[in-house]
PDB file of N, CA and C in Angstrom:
ATOM      1  N   MET A   1       1.001  -1.268  -0.265  1.00  0.00           N
ATOM      2  CA  MET A   1      -0.132  -0.032  -0.075  1.00  0.00           C
ATOM      3  C   MET A   1       0.719   1.168  -0.227  1.00  0.00           C
ATOM      4  N   ASN A   2       0.243   2.372  -0.616  1.00  0.00           N
ATOM      5  CA  ASN A   2       1.234   3.479  -0.930  1.00  0.00           C
ATOM      6  C   ASN A   2       0.287   4.598  -0.351  1.00  0.00           C
ATOM      7  N   VAL A   3       1.069   5.457   0.180  1.00  0.00           N
ATOM      8  CA  VAL A   3       0.520   6.652   0.774  1.00  0.00           C
ATOM      9  C   VAL A   3       0.818   7.908  -0.033  1.00  0.00           C
ATOM     10  N   GLN A   4      -0.190   8.840  -0.644  1.00  0.00           N
ATOM     11  CA  GLN A   4       0.220  10.110  -1.195  1.00  0.00           C
ATOM     12  C   GLN A   4      -0.917  11.008  -0.894  1.00  0.00           C
ATOM     13  N   VAL A   5      -0.003  12.513  -0.845  1.00  0.00           N
ATOM     14  CA  VAL A   5      -0.835  13.291  -0.531  1.00  0.00           C
ATOM     15  C   VAL A   5      -0.961  14.342  -1.451  1.00  0.00           C
ATOM     16  N   LEU A   6      -2.555  14.742  -1.612  1.00  0.00           N
ATOM     17  CA  LEU A   6      -2.621  15.413  -2.418  1.00  0.00           C
ATOM     18  C   LEU A   6      -2.750  17.028  -1.871  1.00  0.00           C
ATOM     19  N   PRO A   7      -1.937  18.036  -2.604  1.00  0.00           N
ATOM     20  CA  PRO A   7      -1.757  19.294  -1.908  1.00  0.00           C
ATOM     21  C   PRO A   7      -3.068  19.927  -1.589  1.00  0.00           C
ATOM     22  N   ALA A   8      -3.332  20.797  -0.651  1.00  0.00           N
ATOM     23  CA  ALA A   8      -4.433  21.373  -0.531  1.00  0.00           C
ATOM     24  C   ALA A   8      -4.708  22.619  -1.716  1.00  0.00           C
ATOM     25  N   ASP A   9      -4.097  23.065  -2.320  1.00  0.00           N
ATOM     26  CA  ASP A   9      -3.917  23.836  -3.408  1.00  0.00           C
ATOM     27  C   ASP A   9      -3.983  23.160  -4.775  1.00  0.00           C
ATOM     28  N   ALA A  10      -4.197  21.931  -4.889  1.00  0.00           N
ATOM     29  CA  ALA A  10      -4.356  21.251  -6.102  1.00  0.00           C
ATOM     30  C   ALA A  10      -5.585  21.706  -6.723  1.00  0.00           C
ATOM     31  N   MET A  11      -5.641  21.842  -8.030  1.00  0.00           N
ATOM     32  CA  MET A  11      -6.830  22.088  -8.904  1.00  0.00           C
ATOM     33  C   MET A  11      -7.956  21.381  -8.466  1.00  0.00           C
ATOM     34  N   LEU A  12      -9.301  22.066  -8.843  1.00  0.00           N
ATOM     35  CA  LEU A  12     -10.477  20.808  -8.704  1.00  0.00           C
ATOM     36  C   LEU A  12     -10.265  19.342  -9.054  1.00  0.00           C
ATOM     37  N   HIS A  13     -10.610  18.283  -8.341  1.00  0.00           N
ATOM     38  CA  HIS A  13     -10.356  17.058  -9.146  1.00  0.00           C
ATOM     39  C   HIS A  13     -11.483  16.232  -8.414  1.00  0.00           C
ATOM     40  N   VAL A  14     -11.408  14.768  -9.067  1.00  0.00           N
ATOM     41  CA  VAL A  14     -12.511  14.022  -8.970  1.00  0.00           C
ATOM     42  C   VAL A  14     -12.574  13.481  -7.702  1.00  0.00           C
ATOM     43  N   GLY A  15     -11.760  13.648  -6.541  1.00  0.00           N
ATOM     44  CA  GLY A  15     -11.809  13.087  -5.580  1.00  0.00           C
ATOM     45  C   GLY A  15     -12.716  13.915  -4.743  1.00  0.00           C
ATOM     46  N   GLN A  16     -12.711  15.056  -4.857  1.00  0.00           N
ATOM     47  CA  GLN A  16     -13.735  16.121  -4.149  1.00  0.00           C
ATOM     48  C   GLN A  16     -15.342  15.675  -4.563  1.00  0.00           C
ATOM     49  N   MET A  17     -15.275  14.674  -5.376  1.00  0.00           N
ATOM     50  CA  MET A  17     -16.901  14.312  -5.512  1.00  0.00           C
ATOM     51  C   MET A  17     -17.413  13.145  -4.489  1.00  0.00           C
ATOM     52  N   GLY A  18     -16.369  12.458  -4.195  1.00  0.00           N
ATOM     53  CA  GLY A  18     -16.409  11.453  -2.712  1.00  0.00           C
ATOM     54  C   GLY A  18     -15.537  10.483  -3.264  1.00  0.00           C
ATOM     55  N   SER A  19     -15.502   9.506  -2.316  1.00  0.00           N
ATOM     56  CA  SER A  19     -14.159   8.403  -2.141  1.00  0.00           C
ATOM     57  C   SER A  19     -14.953   7.059  -2.998  1.00  0.00           C
ATOM     58  N   PHE A  20     -13.665   6.483  -3.319  1.00  0.00           N
ATOM     59  CA  PHE A  20     -14.195   5.464  -4.354  1.00  0.00           C
ATOM     60  C   PHE A  20     -13.049   4.301  -4.373  1.00  0.00           C
ATOM     61  N   SER A  21     -13.126   3.159  -3.963  1.00  0.00           N
ATOM     62  CA  SER A  21     -12.034   1.975  -4.352  1.00  0.00           C
ATOM     63  C   SER A  21     -12.362   1.491  -5.533  1.00  0.00           C
ATOM     64  N   VAL A  22     -11.225   1.203  -6.427  1.00  0.00           N
ATOM     65  CA  VAL A  22     -11.347  -0.087  -7.432  1.00  0.00           C
ATOM     66  C   VAL A  22     -10.382  -1.168  -6.876  1.00  0.00           C
ATOM     67  N   LEU A  23     -11.238  -2.201  -6.901  1.00  0.00           N
ATOM     68  CA  LEU A  23     -11.180  -3.388  -6.322  1.00  0.00           C
ATOM     69  C   LEU A  23     -10.564  -4.237  -7.587  1.00  0.00           C
ATOM     70  N   GLY A  24      -9.373  -4.659  -7.674  1.00  0.00           N
ATOM     71  CA  GLY A  24      -8.551  -5.178  -8.602  1.00  0.00           C
ATOM     72  C   GLY A  24      -8.502  -6.746  -8.847  1.00  0.00           C
ATOM     73  N   PHE A  25      -8.453  -7.289  -9.327  1.00  0.00           N
ATOM     74  CA  PHE A  25      -8.055  -8.824  -9.695  1.00  0.00           C
ATOM     75  C   PHE A  25      -7.337  -9.228 -10.579  1.00  0.00           C
ATOM     76  N   GLY A  26      -5.925  -8.341 -10.447  1.00  0.00           N
ATOM     77  CA  GLY A  26      -4.868  -8.820 -11.298  1.00  0.00           C
ATOM     78  C   GLY A  26      -5.151  -9.007 -12.753  1.00  0.00           C
ATOM     79  N   PRO A  27      -4.726  -9.892 -13.474  1.00  0.00           N
ATOM     80  CA  PRO A  27      -4.896  -9.791 -14.778  1.00  0.00           C
ATOM     81  C   PRO A  27      -5.965  -9.772 -15.277  1.00  0.00           C
ATOM     82  N   HIS A  28      -6.973 -10.051 -14.279  1.00  0.00           N
ATOM     83  CA  HIS A  28      -8.689 -10.289 -15.026  1.00  0.00           C
ATOM     84  C   HIS A  28      -8.950  -8.912 -14.662  1.00  0.00           C
ATOM     85  N   VAL A  29      -8.706  -7.848 -15.216  1.00  0.00           N
ATOM     86  CA  VAL A  29      -9.461  -6.773 -15.284  1.00  0.00           C
ATOM     87  C   VAL A  29     -10.849  -6.708 -15.577  1.00  0.00           C
ATOM     88  N   ASP A  30     -11.407  -7.676 -16.134  1.00  0.00           N
ATOM     89  CA  ASP A  30     -12.789  -7.711 -16.562  1.00  0.00           C
ATOM     90  C   ASP A  30     -13.755  -7.993 -15.452  1.00  0.00           C
ATOM     91  N   LEU A  31     -13.065  -8.487 -14.257  1.00  0.00           N
ATOM     92  CA  LEU A  31     -13.297  -8.862 -12.968  1.00  0.00           C
ATOM     93  C   LEU A  31     -13.449  -7.563 -11.969  1.00  0.00           C
ATOM     94  N   ASP A  32     -12.809  -6.696 -12.533  1.00  0.00           N
ATOM     95  CA  ASP A  32     -12.662  -5.246 -11.231  1.00  0.00           C
ATOM     96  C   ASP A  32     -13.892  -4.618 -11.086  1.00  0.00           C
ATOM     97  N   VAL A  33     -14.405  -4.032  -9.718  1.00  0.00           N
ATOM     98  CA  VAL A  33     -15.430  -3.770  -9.144  1.00  0.00           C
ATOM     99  C   VAL A  33     -14.929  -2.145  -8.638  1.00  0.00           C
ATOM    100  N   VAL A  34     -15.634  -1.339  -8.734  1.00  0.00           N
ATOM    101  CA  VAL A  34     -15.433  -0.198  -8.146  1.00  0.00           C
ATOM    102  C   VAL A  34     -16.732  -0.178  -6.524  1.00  0.00           C
ATOM    103  N   HIS A  35     -16.285  -0.060  -5.591  1.00  0.00           N
ATOM    104  CA  HIS A  35     -16.895   0.431  -4.609  1.00  0.00           C
ATOM    105  C   HIS A  35     -16.855   1.831  -3.900  1.00  0.00           C
ATOM    106  N   ALA A  36     -18.157   2.398  -3.987  1.00  0.00           N
ATOM    107  CA  ALA A  36     -18.495   3.547  -3.275  1.00  0.00           C
ATOM    108  C   ALA A  36     -19.349   3.659  -2.287  1.00  0.00           C
ATOM    109  N   GLU A  37     -18.746   4.049  -0.842  1.00  0.00           N
ATOM    110  CA  GLU A  37     -19.282   3.971   0.344  1.00  0.00           C
ATOM    111  C   GLU A  37     -20.026   5.449   0.871  1.00  0.00           C
ATOM    112  N   GLY A  38     -21.143   5.012   1.354  1.00  0.00           N
ATOM    113  CA  GLY A  38     -21.986   6.340   1.616  1.00  0.00           C
ATOM    114  C   GLY A  38     -22.270   6.265   3.224  1.00  0.00           C
ATOM    115  N   LEU A  39     -23.134   6.969   3.768  1.00  0.00           N
ATOM    116  CA  LEU A  39     -23.207   7.031   5.248  1.00  0.00           C
ATOM    117  C   LEU A  39     -24.148   5.888   5.477  1.00  0.00           C
ATOM    118  N   THR A  40     -25.032   5.508   4.697  1.00  0.00           N
ATOM    119  CA  THR A  40     -25.902   4.398   4.979  1.00  0.00           C
ATOM    120  C   THR A  40     -25.823   3.635   3.828  1.00  0.00           C
ATOM    121  N   SER A  41     -25.456   3.554   2.674  1.00  0.00           N
ATOM    122  CA  SER A  41     -25.342   2.709   1.869  1.00  0.00           C
ATOM    123  C   SER A  41     -24.032   2.448   1.038  1.00  0.00           C
ATOM    124  N   ALA A  42     -23.851   1.336   0.252  1.00  0.00           N
ATOM    125  CA  ALA A  42     -22.851   0.995  -0.543  1.00  0.00           C
ATOM    126  C   ALA A  42     -23.229   0.862  -1.880  1.00  0.00           C
ATOM    127  N   LEU A  43     -22.175   1.078  -2.905  1.00  0.00           N
ATOM    128  CA  LEU A  43     -22.318   0.905  -4.106  1.00  0.00           C
ATOM    129  C   LEU A  43     -21.209   0.262  -4.783  1.00  0.00           C
ATOM    130  N   TYR A  44     -21.673  -0.883  -5.851  1.00  0.00           N
ATOM    131  CA  TYR A  44     -20.762  -1.527  -6.255  1.00  0.00           C
ATOM    132  C   TYR A  44     -20.907  -1.249  -7.800  1.00  0.00           C
ATOM    133  N   VAL A  45     -20.080  -1.272  -8.390  1.00  0.00           N
ATOM    134  CA  VAL A  45     -19.966  -0.730  -9.998  1.00  0.00           C
ATOM    135  C   VAL A  45     -19.067  -1.949 -10.545  1.00  0.00           C
ATOM    136  N   GLU A  46     -19.794  -2.214 -11.722  1.00  0.00           N
ATOM    137  CA  GLU A  46     -19.563  -3.456 -12.343  1.00  0.00           C
ATOM    138  C   GLU A  46     -19.482  -3.510 -13.802  1.00  0.00           C
ATOM    139  N   GLU A  47     -19.863  -2.301 -14.051  1.00  0.00           N
ATOM    140  CA  GLU A  47     -19.942  -2.141 -15.916  1.00  0.00           C
ATOM    141  C   GLU A  47     -18.656  -1.840 -16.131  1.00  0.00           C
ATOM    142  N   PRO A  48     -17.931  -2.608 -17.236  1.00  0.00           N
ATOM    143  CA  PRO A  48     -16.713  -2.121 -17.761  1.00  0.00           C
ATOM    144  C   PRO A  48     -16.162  -0.906 -17.844  1.00  0.00           C
ATOM    145  N   ASP A  49     -17.420   0.194 -18.357  1.00  0.00           N
ATOM    146  CA  ASP A  49     -16.970   1.362 -19.185  1.00  0.00           C
ATOM    147  C   ASP A  49     -16.826   2.059 -17.585  1.00  0.00           C
ATOM    148  N   LYS A  50     -17.832   1.977 -16.713  1.00  0.00           N
ATOM    149  CA  LYS A  50     -17.999   2.795 -15.618  1.00  0.00           C
ATOM    150  C   LYS A  50     -16.982   2.338 -14.601  1.00  0.00           C
ATOM    151  N   VAL A  51     -16.081   1.109 -14.440  1.00  0.00           N
ATOM    152  CA  VAL A  51     -15.148   0.873 -13.966  1.00  0.00           C
ATOM    153  C   VAL A  51     -13.643   1.350 -14.459  1.00  0.00           C
ATOM    154  N   ALA A  52     -13.822   1.533 -15.786  1.00  0.00           N
ATOM    155  CA  ALA A  52     -12.491   2.054 -16.803  1.00  0.00           C
ATOM    156  C   ALA A  52     -12.559   3.524 -16.302  1.00  0.00           C
ATOM    157  N   ALA A  53     -13.968   4.341 -16.072  1.00  0.00           N
ATOM    158  CA  ALA A  53     -14.015   5.604 -15.983  1.00  0.00           C
ATOM    159  C   ALA A  53     -13.262   5.889 -14.188  1.00  0.00           C
ATOM    160  N   HIS A  54     -13.543   5.180 -13.530  1.00  0.00           N
ATOM    161  CA  HIS A  54     -13.086   4.938 -12.248  1.00  0.00           C
ATOM    162  C   HIS A  54     -11.395   5.087 -11.895  1.00  0.00           C
ATOM    163  N   ARG A  55     -11.062   4.267 -13.370  1.00  0.00           N
ATOM    164  CA  ARG A  55      -9.557   3.907 -12.886  1.00  0.00           C
ATOM    165  C   ARG A  55      -8.694   5.015 -13.270  1.00  0.00           C
ATOM    166  N   GLU A  56      -9.491   5.758 -14.625  1.00  0.00           N
ATOM    167  CA  GLU A  56      -8.848   6.651 -14.953  1.00  0.00           C
ATOM    168  C   GLU A  56      -8.663   7.694 -13.895  1.00  0.00           C
ATOM    169  N   ALA A  57      -9.758   8.158 -13.117  1.00  0.00           N
ATOM    170  CA  ALA A  57      -9.861   9.005 -12.258  1.00  0.00           C
ATOM    171  C   ALA A  57      -9.044   8.655 -11.209  1.00  0.00           C
ATOM    172  N   TRP A  58      -8.562   7.478 -10.867  1.00  0.00           N
ATOM    173  CA  TRP A  58      -7.619   7.418  -9.897  1.00  0.00           C
ATOM    174  C   TRP A  58      -6.254   7.428 -10.428  1.00  0.00           C
ATOM    175  N   GLN A  59      -6.043   7.284 -11.625  1.00  0.00           N
ATOM    176  CA  GLN A  59      -4.846   7.939 -12.315  1.00  0.00           C
ATOM    177  C   GLN A  59      -4.696   9.116 -12.138  1.00  0.00           C
ATOM    178  N   ARG A  60      -5.548  10.033 -12.679  1.00  0.00           N
ATOM    179  CA  ARG A  60      -5.422  11.432 -12.416  1.00  0.00           C
ATOM    180  C   ARG A  60      -5.078  11.514 -11.117  1.00  0.00           C
ATOM    181  N   LEU A  61      -6.073  11.232 -10.057  1.00  0.00           N
ATOM    182  CA  LEU A  61      -5.659  11.625  -8.686  1.00  0.00           C
ATOM    183  C   LEU A  61      -4.036  11.293  -8.133  1.00  0.00           C
ATOM    184  N   THR A  62      -3.712  10.155  -8.373  1.00  0.00           N
ATOM    185  CA  THR A  62      -2.139   9.625  -7.932  1.00  0.00           C
ATOM    186  C   THR A  62      -1.235  10.904  -8.703  1.00  0.00           C
ATOM    187  N   SER A  63      -1.640  10.979 -10.216  1.00  0.00           N
ATOM    188  CA  SER A  63      -0.545  12.088 -10.721  1.00  0.00           C
ATOM    189  C   SER A  63      -0.592  13.120 -10.451  1.00  0.00           C
ATOM    190  N   ALA A  64      -1.641  13.537  -9.731  1.00  0.00           N
ATOM    191  CA  ALA A  64      -1.962  15.090  -9.421  1.00  0.00           C
ATOM    192  C   ALA A  64      -1.024  15.041  -7.866  1.00  0.00           C
ATOM    193  N   ALA A  65      -0.835  13.934  -7.225  1.00  0.00           N
ATOM    194  CA  ALA A  65      -0.590  13.846  -5.994  1.00  0.00           C
ATOM    195  C   ALA A  65       0.945  13.968  -5.710  1.00  0.00           C
ATOM    196  N   LEU A  66       1.544  14.091  -4.673  1.00  0.00           N
ATOM    197  CA  LEU A  66       2.822  14.243  -4.396  1.00  0.00           C
ATOM    198  C   LEU A  66       3.387  12.674  -4.379  1.00  0.00           C
ATOM    199  N   PRO A  67       4.611  12.670  -5.158  1.00  0.00           N
ATOM    200  CA  PRO A  67       5.200  11.034  -4.896  1.00  0.00           C
ATOM    201  C   PRO A  67       5.121  10.571  -3.761  1.00  0.00           C
ATOM    202  N   VAL A  68       5.194   9.041  -3.613  1.00  0.00           N
ATOM    203  CA  VAL A  68       5.356   8.409  -2.033  1.00  0.00           C
ATOM    204  C   VAL A  68       6.173   8.913  -1.171  1.00  0.00           C
ATOM    205  N   GLY A  69       7.437   9.318  -1.979  1.00  0.00           N
ATOM    206  CA  GLY A  69       8.572   9.497  -0.693  1.00  0.00           C
ATOM    207  C   GLY A  69       8.484  10.779  -0.369  1.00  0.00           C
ATOM    208  N   SER A  70       8.047  11.753  -1.339  1.00  0.00           N
ATOM    209  CA  SER A  70       7.616  13.199  -0.935  1.00  0.00           C
ATOM    210  C   SER A  70       6.467  13.348   0.316  1.00  0.00           C
ATOM    211  N   SER A  71       5.755  12.354  -0.119  1.00  0.00           N
ATOM    212  CA  SER A  71       4.336  12.524   0.774  1.00  0.00           C
ATOM    213  C   SER A  71       5.184  12.226   2.139  1.00  0.00           C
ATOM    214  N   ALA A  72       5.852  10.978   2.321  1.00  0.00           N
ATOM    215  CA  ALA A  72       6.065  10.534   3.559  1.00  0.00           C
ATOM    216  C   ALA A  72       6.854  11.868   4.008  1.00  0.00           C
ATOM    217  N   ASP A  73       7.771  12.313   3.288  1.00  0.00           N
ATOM    218  CA  ASP A  73       8.372  13.245   3.978  1.00  0.00           C
ATOM    219  C   ASP A  73       7.613  14.599   4.784  1.00  0.00           C
ATOM    220  N   LEU A  74       6.745  14.754   4.030  1.00  0.00           N
ATOM    221  CA  LEU A  74       5.911  16.005   4.180  1.00  0.00           C
ATOM    222  C   LEU A  74       5.082  15.570   5.893  1.00  0.00           C
ATOM    223  N   ILE A  75       4.658  14.395   5.484  1.00  0.00           N
ATOM    224  CA  ILE A  75       3.914  13.913   6.816  1.00  0.00           C
ATOM    225  C   ILE A  75       4.980  13.744   8.086  1.00  0.00           C
ATOM    226  N   THR A  76       6.035  13.628   7.764  1.00  0.00           N
ATOM    227  CA  THR A  76       7.024  13.016   8.857  1.00  0.00           C
ATOM    228  C   THR A  76       7.183  15.016   9.450  1.00  0.00           C
ATOM    229  N   GLU A  77       7.225  15.646   8.399  1.00  0.00           N
ATOM    230  CA  GLU A  77       7.473  17.257   8.744  1.00  0.00           C
ATOM    231  C   GLU A  77       6.357  17.889   9.550  1.00  0.00           C
ATOM    232  N   ILE A  78       4.966  17.399   9.168  1.00  0.00           N
ATOM    233  CA  ILE A  78       4.096  18.223   9.773  1.00  0.00           C
ATOM    234  C   ILE A  78       4.197  17.449  11.251  1.00  0.00           C
ATOM    235  N   ARG A  79       4.429  16.195  11.444  1.00  0.00           N
ATOM    236  CA  ARG A  79       4.420  15.091  12.678  1.00  0.00           C
ATOM    237  C   ARG A  79       5.112  15.958  13.678  1.00  0.00           C
ATOM    238  N   LYS A  80       6.357  16.591  12.910  1.00  0.00           N
ATOM    239  CA  LYS A  80       7.275  17.175  14.183  1.00  0.00           C
ATOM    240  C   LYS A  80       6.796  18.261  14.524  1.00  0.00           C
ATOM    241  N   ASN A  81       6.223  18.923  13.539  1.00  0.00           N
ATOM    242  CA  ASN A  81       5.547  20.668  13.880  1.00  0.00           C
ATOM    243  C   ASN A  81       4.475  20.532  14.470  1.00  0.00           C
ATOM    244  N   THR A  82       3.841  19.179  15.214  1.00  0.00           N
ATOM    245  CA  THR A  82       2.381  19.443  15.632  1.00  0.00           C
ATOM    246  C   THR A  82       2.703  18.913  17.482  1.00  0.00           C
TER     247      THR A  82
END
């Protein structure tokens, strides 16, 4: 698992519309499912085109975020100053 920090001053992004997880099954991408959770319900998306849209959104988010090492450095720095 990797942790990446998306800076507060980042441009508007799909992550502001709510959280989601792409549940992947290795080489069997046709089995991938998106899980979106709300306060009182959960949604599982299985349609390949919708799963692909979420996967692309995830890639945009991770591309906009700080790299893993820089994210860890920032978290460490914030912990030292609090």
